Protein backbone atom coordinates (compact mmCIF):
# COMPACT_ATOMS: atom_id res chain seq x y z
CA UNK A 1 -4.11 -14.95 11.36
CA UNK A 2 -1.02 -12.38 9.89
CA UNK A 3 0.07 -10.50 12.70
CA UNK A 4 3.30 -7.79 12.10
CA UNK A 5 5.88 -6.84 14.71
CA UNK A 6 8.21 -4.10 15.04
CA UNK A 7 10.94 -5.14 17.28
CA UNK A 8 13.09 -2.29 19.60
CA UNK A 9 15.35 -4.34 22.52
CA UNK A 10 17.79 -3.27 25.14
CA UNK A 11 20.03 -1.86 22.13
CA UNK A 12 20.71 1.33 22.58
CA UNK A 13 24.08 2.19 20.82
CA UNK A 14 25.51 2.85 17.62
CA UNK A 15 28.51 3.10 15.56
CA UNK A 16 27.71 6.67 14.61
CA UNK A 17 26.99 9.67 16.11
CA UNK A 18 24.60 12.13 14.81
CA UNK A 19 23.86 15.07 16.24
CA UNK A 20 20.53 14.96 14.76
CA UNK A 21 19.87 11.13 15.46
CA UNK A 22 17.58 10.99 19.04
CA UNK A 23 18.76 7.58 19.40
CA UNK A 24 21.80 5.99 20.41
CA UNK A 25 23.78 8.21 22.36
CA UNK A 26 25.46 6.04 24.77
CA UNK A 27 28.19 2.94 24.30
CA UNK A 28 26.78 -0.28 26.04
CA UNK A 29 28.81 -2.72 28.21
CA UNK A 30 29.50 -6.16 27.16
CA UNK A 31 26.63 -7.04 30.23
CA UNK A 32 23.94 -4.73 28.61
CA UNK A 33 24.74 -6.37 25.14
CA UNK A 34 24.40 -9.93 26.74
CA UNK A 35 21.04 -8.81 28.21
CA UNK A 36 19.80 -7.67 24.19
CA UNK A 37 20.98 -10.86 22.44
CA UNK A 38 19.13 -12.71 25.44
CA UNK A 39 16.24 -11.12 24.22
CA UNK A 40 16.51 -11.32 20.86
CA UNK A 41 16.81 -15.00 20.69
CA UNK A 42 14.49 -15.32 22.74
CA UNK A 43 12.13 -13.30 20.54
CA UNK A 44 13.53 -15.57 17.67
CA UNK A 45 12.53 -18.90 19.88
CA UNK A 46 8.90 -17.30 20.51
CA UNK A 47 8.64 -16.27 16.72
CA UNK A 48 9.74 -20.00 16.35
CA UNK A 49 7.38 -21.75 18.72
CA UNK A 50 3.93 -19.63 17.01
CA UNK A 51 3.65 -21.04 14.09
CA UNK A 52 -0.40 -20.90 14.31
CA UNK A 53 0.15 -17.49 12.99
CA UNK A 54 1.72 -16.13 10.12
CA UNK A 55 4.41 -13.13 11.37
CA UNK A 56 6.51 -10.18 9.55
CA UNK A 57 9.12 -8.43 11.87
CA UNK A 58 10.56 -5.16 11.53
CA UNK A 59 13.77 -4.40 13.46
CA UNK A 60 13.96 -0.50 14.41
CA UNK A 61 16.95 -1.03 16.84
CA UNK A 62 17.80 2.15 19.15
CA UNK A 63 20.88 1.65 17.61
CA UNK A 64 22.80 0.02 14.68
CA UNK A 65 22.35 -3.46 15.27
CA UNK A 66 23.62 -4.92 12.08
CA UNK A 67 27.32 -4.71 13.36
CA UNK A 68 26.34 -7.32 16.19
CA UNK A 69 26.25 -10.86 15.00
CA UNK A 70 22.86 -12.00 16.79
CA UNK A 71 21.12 -9.62 14.83
CA UNK A 72 22.40 -11.31 11.91
CA UNK A 73 21.82 -14.66 13.07
CA UNK A 74 18.00 -13.40 13.75
CA UNK A 75 17.54 -12.54 10.23
CA UNK A 76 19.00 -15.81 9.18
CA UNK A 77 16.46 -17.74 11.37
CA UNK A 78 13.39 -15.86 10.86
CA UNK A 79 13.76 -15.67 6.70
CA UNK A 80 13.92 -19.57 7.40
CA UNK A 81 10.58 -20.08 9.25
CA UNK A 82 8.27 -21.30 6.77
CA UNK A 83 5.02 -19.11 8.90
CA UNK A 84 7.25 -15.78 8.71
CA UNK A 85 6.36 -13.94 4.79
CA UNK A 86 9.22 -10.94 5.93
CA UNK A 87 11.85 -9.91 8.10
CA UNK A 88 13.29 -6.74 8.15
CA UNK A 89 15.67 -4.17 9.39
CA UNK A 90 16.59 -0.76 10.16
CA UNK A 91 20.11 -0.55 9.31
CA UNK A 92 23.04 2.04 8.52
CA UNK A 93 24.63 -0.69 6.58
CA UNK A 94 28.24 -0.43 7.68
CA UNK A 95 28.26 -4.53 8.42
CA UNK A 96 29.74 -7.07 6.49
CA UNK A 97 27.78 -8.80 4.00
CA UNK A 98 29.08 -12.20 3.73
CA UNK A 99 25.88 -13.80 6.03
CA UNK A 100 23.53 -12.31 4.40
CA UNK A 101 23.69 -15.14 2.04
CA UNK A 102 22.01 -17.68 4.45
CA UNK A 103 19.09 -15.83 4.22
CA UNK A 104 16.17 -16.54 2.21
CA UNK A 105 16.41 -13.80 0.16
CA UNK A 106 12.42 -13.82 -1.02
CA UNK A 107 11.63 -13.16 2.77
CA UNK A 108 14.57 -10.24 3.79
CA UNK A 109 14.63 -6.72 3.14
CA UNK A 110 16.71 -4.18 4.83
CA UNK A 111 16.07 -0.46 5.39
CA UNK A 112 18.80 1.02 4.95
CA UNK A 113 19.54 4.99 6.23
CA UNK A 114 22.80 6.69 4.79
CA UNK A 115 24.50 9.14 7.20
CA UNK A 116 26.70 11.92 4.52
CA UNK A 117 28.74 12.83 7.99
CA UNK A 118 30.01 9.43 8.63
CA UNK A 119 30.97 7.52 5.53
CA UNK A 120 31.64 8.71 2.10
CA UNK A 121 29.42 8.33 -0.97
CA UNK A 122 31.75 5.67 -2.64
CA UNK A 123 31.72 2.63 0.48
CA UNK A 124 27.80 3.18 0.92
CA UNK A 125 26.98 2.99 -2.69
CA UNK A 126 29.29 0.38 -2.84
CA UNK A 127 27.02 -1.72 -0.16
CA UNK A 128 24.43 -1.28 -1.86
CA UNK A 129 25.67 -2.44 -5.15
CA UNK A 130 26.80 -5.64 -3.22
CA UNK A 131 23.02 -5.95 -2.16
CA UNK A 132 21.03 -5.41 -5.31
CA UNK A 133 24.16 -8.27 -7.28
CA UNK A 134 22.90 -10.49 -3.96
CA UNK A 135 19.04 -10.05 -4.73
CA UNK A 136 18.47 -8.35 -1.68
CA UNK A 137 15.38 -6.32 -1.35
CA UNK A 138 15.82 -3.03 0.30
CA UNK A 139 15.36 1.11 0.03
CA UNK A 140 18.07 3.36 1.04
CA UNK A 141 17.25 6.41 2.93
CA UNK A 142 19.12 9.62 3.31
CA UNK A 143 17.52 12.40 5.96
CA UNK A 144 16.51 15.80 4.00
CA UNK A 145 19.22 18.51 4.96
CA UNK A 146 19.97 20.59 2.07
CA UNK A 147 23.46 20.56 2.92
CA UNK A 148 23.37 16.62 1.71
CA UNK A 149 21.87 17.52 -1.59
CA UNK A 150 24.78 16.92 -3.52
CA UNK A 151 25.70 13.85 -1.93
CA UNK A 152 22.10 13.10 -2.14
CA UNK A 153 22.08 13.76 -5.99
CA UNK A 154 25.09 11.32 -6.82
CA UNK A 155 23.57 8.96 -4.71
CA UNK A 156 20.28 8.74 -6.99
CA UNK A 157 22.15 8.76 -10.21
CA UNK A 158 24.68 5.93 -9.14
CA UNK A 159 21.89 3.45 -7.77
CA UNK A 160 19.99 1.18 -10.00
CA UNK A 161 16.44 2.57 -10.85
CA UNK A 162 15.26 -0.27 -9.50
CA UNK A 163 16.43 0.98 -5.95
CA UNK A 164 14.17 3.63 -4.02
CA UNK A 165 15.73 6.64 -2.66
CA UNK A 166 13.32 8.19 -0.39
CA UNK A 167 14.27 11.35 1.92
CA UNK A 168 12.87 11.21 5.75
CA UNK A 169 11.26 14.57 5.96
CA UNK A 170 12.89 17.05 9.00
CA UNK A 171 9.54 17.95 9.70
CA UNK A 172 10.61 21.19 12.05
CA UNK A 173 12.65 22.44 9.44
CA UNK A 174 10.21 22.67 6.67
CA UNK A 175 9.64 26.25 7.13
CA UNK A 176 13.44 26.95 6.34
CA UNK A 177 13.37 25.01 3.41
CA UNK A 178 13.20 27.09 0.24
CA UNK A 179 11.20 26.19 -2.76
CA UNK A 180 14.55 24.91 -4.30
CA UNK A 181 15.28 22.69 -1.79
CA UNK A 182 11.82 21.52 -1.54
CA UNK A 183 11.27 20.71 -4.94
CA UNK A 184 14.79 19.12 -5.11
CA UNK A 185 13.61 16.38 -2.58
CA UNK A 186 10.14 15.85 -4.51
CA UNK A 187 12.32 14.83 -7.49
CA UNK A 188 14.47 12.65 -6.04
CA UNK A 189 11.69 11.04 -3.97
CA UNK A 190 8.27 11.36 -5.70
CA UNK A 191 6.58 10.40 -2.34
CA UNK A 192 8.39 13.12 -0.53
CA UNK A 193 5.31 15.13 0.16
CA UNK A 194 3.68 12.43 2.32
CA UNK A 195 6.44 12.23 4.88
CA UNK A 196 5.89 15.48 5.75
CA UNK A 197 2.68 15.71 7.24
CA UNK A 198 1.34 15.54 10.54
CA UNK A 199 -1.66 12.83 10.08
CA UNK A 200 -4.98 13.42 12.40
CA UNK A 201 -4.91 10.18 14.28
CA UNK A 202 -6.99 11.24 17.12
CA UNK A 203 -10.09 8.67 17.13
CA UNK A 204 -9.00 7.25 13.65
CA UNK A 205 -8.46 3.27 13.11
CA UNK A 206 -5.59 1.69 12.67
CA UNK A 207 -4.46 -1.84 11.93
CA UNK A 208 -1.72 -1.17 14.98
CA UNK A 209 -2.79 -2.96 18.40
CA UNK A 210 -5.18 -5.52 15.91
CA UNK A 211 -2.73 -7.04 13.16
CA UNK A 212 0.03 -5.28 14.16
CA UNK A 213 2.16 -4.53 17.59
CA UNK A 214 5.33 -3.26 19.43
CA UNK A 215 7.08 -5.79 21.12
CA UNK A 216 10.12 -4.94 23.71
CA UNK A 217 13.23 -6.63 24.73
CA UNK A 218 11.33 -7.73 27.79
CA UNK A 219 8.29 -8.93 25.57
CA UNK A 220 5.97 -6.28 26.17
CA UNK A 221 3.47 -5.53 23.62
CA UNK A 222 2.31 -2.05 22.54
CA UNK A 223 -0.20 -0.93 19.57
CA UNK A 224 2.77 0.71 18.36
CA UNK A 225 5.68 2.98 18.99
CA UNK A 226 4.30 6.10 19.62
CA UNK A 227 1.28 5.28 22.45
CA UNK A 228 3.32 3.65 25.29
CA UNK A 229 0.46 1.98 27.42
CA UNK A 230 0.96 -1.69 27.63
CA UNK A 231 -1.52 -4.14 26.32
CA UNK A 232 -0.22 -7.62 26.77
CA UNK A 233 2.88 -9.46 27.28
CA UNK A 234 4.15 -12.06 24.22
CA UNK A 235 5.49 -14.66 26.36
CA UNK A 236 2.33 -14.53 28.74
CA UNK A 237 -0.34 -17.38 27.91
CA UNK A 238 -3.19 -15.20 26.27
CA UNK A 239 -1.18 -12.40 24.59
CA UNK A 240 -3.49 -13.15 21.88
CA UNK A 241 -6.60 -11.67 23.78
CA UNK A 242 -4.79 -8.26 23.38
CA UNK A 243 -5.18 -8.65 20.00
CA UNK A 244 -8.40 -6.42 18.61
CA UNK A 245 -8.77 -2.76 16.60
CA UNK A 246 -8.76 0.24 18.96
CA UNK A 247 -9.16 3.76 18.41
CA UNK A 248 -5.88 5.91 17.93
CA UNK A 249 -5.59 8.62 21.47
CA UNK A 250 -2.81 10.25 19.88
CA UNK A 251 -3.99 13.76 17.85
CA UNK A 252 -1.42 13.62 15.55
CA UNK A 253 1.29 10.87 13.72
CA UNK A 254 4.04 12.00 11.74
CA UNK A 255 6.23 9.08 11.26
CA UNK A 256 6.51 6.51 8.44
CA UNK A 257 6.65 3.36 10.66
CA UNK A 258 3.38 4.40 12.62
CA UNK A 259 0.82 6.25 10.07
CA UNK A 260 1.27 3.46 7.06
CA UNK A 261 -0.64 1.67 8.89
CA UNK A 262 -3.75 3.98 9.57
CA UNK A 263 -6.41 2.85 7.46
CA UNK A 264 -7.89 6.08 6.09
CA UNK A 265 -4.63 6.83 4.20
CA UNK A 266 -4.76 3.69 2.16
CA UNK A 267 -1.25 3.62 2.35
CA UNK A 268 -1.10 0.01 1.45
CA UNK A 269 -2.15 1.42 -2.30
CA UNK A 270 1.37 2.79 -2.72
CA UNK A 271 3.69 0.73 -1.22
CA UNK A 272 2.09 -3.24 -1.56
CA UNK A 273 3.79 -5.51 0.45
CA UNK A 274 7.09 -3.04 0.56
CA UNK A 275 5.13 -1.06 3.36
CA UNK A 276 7.68 -2.36 5.97
CA UNK A 277 10.83 -1.45 4.40
CA UNK A 278 9.69 1.37 3.03
CA UNK A 279 9.58 0.46 -0.41
CA UNK A 280 6.37 1.62 -3.41
CA UNK A 281 4.69 -0.94 -5.09
CA UNK A 282 6.21 -1.62 -8.39
CA UNK A 283 9.05 1.06 -8.06
CA UNK A 284 11.54 2.51 -10.76
CA UNK A 285 13.11 5.58 -10.91
CA UNK A 286 12.19 7.57 -13.75
């Protein structure tokens, strides 16, 4: 069976401090970070032990993970496992990149987000070009605020055409966007409008809970990040019995890592095997 895991451990700290970001609003002690490290290493060990399944893993930390070596090591290990088809992570790309050479590039993907108020375009672009040189699969994202338009335009012009630059729609700000702003975002990201919706999900079938699960540092399994009720624990002997089709209990779903798994949207036709790292199938910017 192929199982996709959205992993979010105890990490809640970041080296950036964006005002609009709901995550990473505190610093963590060495002891707290040590707990996160133990959790990540235990999780990777569990993946190694369960070779009867094929896994795809996306790390979605509440903070910046790749500045910590245990996340780098986790990706190195996961990409070397025969029964892992993909290992991906969300990152601000502020870490050093030398460790990437130890990964199996064919299985590694990065979801890289540009934060104009914390890093300049040239520094971020340099990291992106290094990724491209190394042959690492990655997408680049920017939060869709109009004040970032100049930086977004520069980034799009300088990135290779094979790199997808997506705009993360700020849902509550959509009524305040001008037609010009919206057209600009749509030109940069042809799939921008997909991310502006609150998709009806109540009573709809979804891969979450069946072939996709959310896992926290203690191993608690949930359908996804947006339904809080636990369905089991991966460290229990009977964890596999929790995997079966369920109807969504939320009214709507509006985050990419959620709605892309709704069956009726058929977004695998848009993203293909790049659905976790947010890369459209056969992407090329015109």
